[in-house]
Amino acid sequence: MQLKFEAAIYNEEVLAALQEGEHHKDLSDSWADTHYFDVYAVSIEQAWEKMRRKYSADRGFVIKAIEAID
């Protein structure tokens, strides 16, 4: 059974660029702020795995938290 989780994600490369008065070459400035996404998975571990694949740390994404939603 799929459960619903909420992931909180921002991009540290965008945040660093904005702090230096620059803009990221590929992502909008809004990625400096936390974005919230629903993710459906059978477990919290699978939710983390899905989000790590989609929002890779290699591209500057930071997954702050993933929590179950009732």
Protein backbone atom coordinates (compact mmCIF):
# COMPACT_ATOMS: atom_id res chain seq x y z
CA MET A 1 0.00 0.00 0.00
CA GLN A 2 1.32 3.40 -0.98
CA LEU A 3 1.65 5.97 1.77
CA LYS A 4 1.78 9.73 1.34
CA PHE A 5 4.83 11.70 2.46
CA GLU A 6 5.86 15.33 2.19
CA ALA A 7 9.44 16.23 1.21
CA ALA A 8 11.08 19.59 1.97
CA ILE A 9 13.80 20.44 -0.57
CA TYR A 10 15.94 23.44 -1.53
CA ASN A 11 19.02 23.94 -3.70
CA GLU A 12 22.23 25.02 -1.99
CA GLU A 13 23.84 26.11 -5.30
CA VAL A 14 21.00 28.56 -5.95
CA LEU A 15 21.20 29.84 -2.37
CA ALA A 16 24.97 30.37 -2.64
CA ALA A 17 24.61 32.17 -5.98
CA LEU A 18 21.99 34.54 -4.59
CA GLN A 19 24.13 35.27 -1.53
CA GLU A 20 26.87 36.37 -3.95
CA GLY A 21 24.46 38.53 -5.95
CA GLU A 22 24.37 36.06 -8.85
CA HIS A 23 21.80 33.72 -10.38
CA HIS A 24 22.05 29.99 -10.98
CA LYS A 25 22.55 29.16 -14.65
CA ASP A 26 19.80 26.51 -14.80
CA LEU A 27 17.43 26.93 -11.85
CA SER A 28 15.14 29.75 -10.80
CA ASP A 29 15.93 31.86 -7.75
CA SER A 30 12.95 30.32 -5.96
CA TRP A 31 15.03 27.17 -5.36
CA ALA A 32 16.92 29.07 -2.65
CA ASP A 33 13.73 28.64 -0.60
CA THR A 34 12.29 25.35 0.57
CA HIS A 35 9.88 23.64 -1.81
CA TYR A 36 7.39 21.06 -0.55
CA PHE A 37 6.43 18.01 -2.60
CA ASP A 38 4.09 15.10 -2.05
CA VAL A 39 5.70 11.71 -2.63
CA TYR A 40 3.94 8.34 -2.59
CA ALA A 41 5.88 5.28 -1.48
CA VAL A 42 5.46 2.06 0.47
CA SER A 43 7.88 3.23 3.18
CA ILE A 44 9.80 6.28 4.38
CA GLU A 45 12.98 4.65 3.06
CA GLN A 46 11.49 4.32 -0.41
CA ALA A 47 10.29 7.93 -0.26
CA TRP A 48 13.87 9.07 0.52
CA GLU A 49 15.23 6.91 -2.30
CA LYS A 50 12.74 8.33 -4.83
CA MET A 51 13.47 11.92 -3.86
CA ARG A 52 17.27 11.41 -3.84
CA ARG A 53 17.06 10.08 -7.40
CA LYS A 54 14.92 12.97 -8.59
CA TYR A 55 16.64 15.74 -6.59
CA SER A 56 20.30 14.72 -6.65
CA ALA A 57 22.81 16.14 -4.17
CA ASP A 58 25.25 16.21 -7.11
CA ARG A 59 23.07 18.98 -8.57
CA GLY A 60 22.96 20.92 -5.29
CA PHE A 61 19.62 19.74 -3.95
CA VAL A 62 19.24 19.33 -0.20
CA ILE A 63 16.40 17.21 1.14
CA LYS A 64 15.76 18.76 4.55
CA ALA A 65 13.10 16.32 5.66
CA ILE A 66 10.53 13.78 4.57
CA GLU A 67 7.56 13.19 6.83
CA ALA A 68 4.48 11.00 6.66
CA ILE A 69 1.19 12.75 6.00
CA ASP A 70 -2.03 11.33 7.44
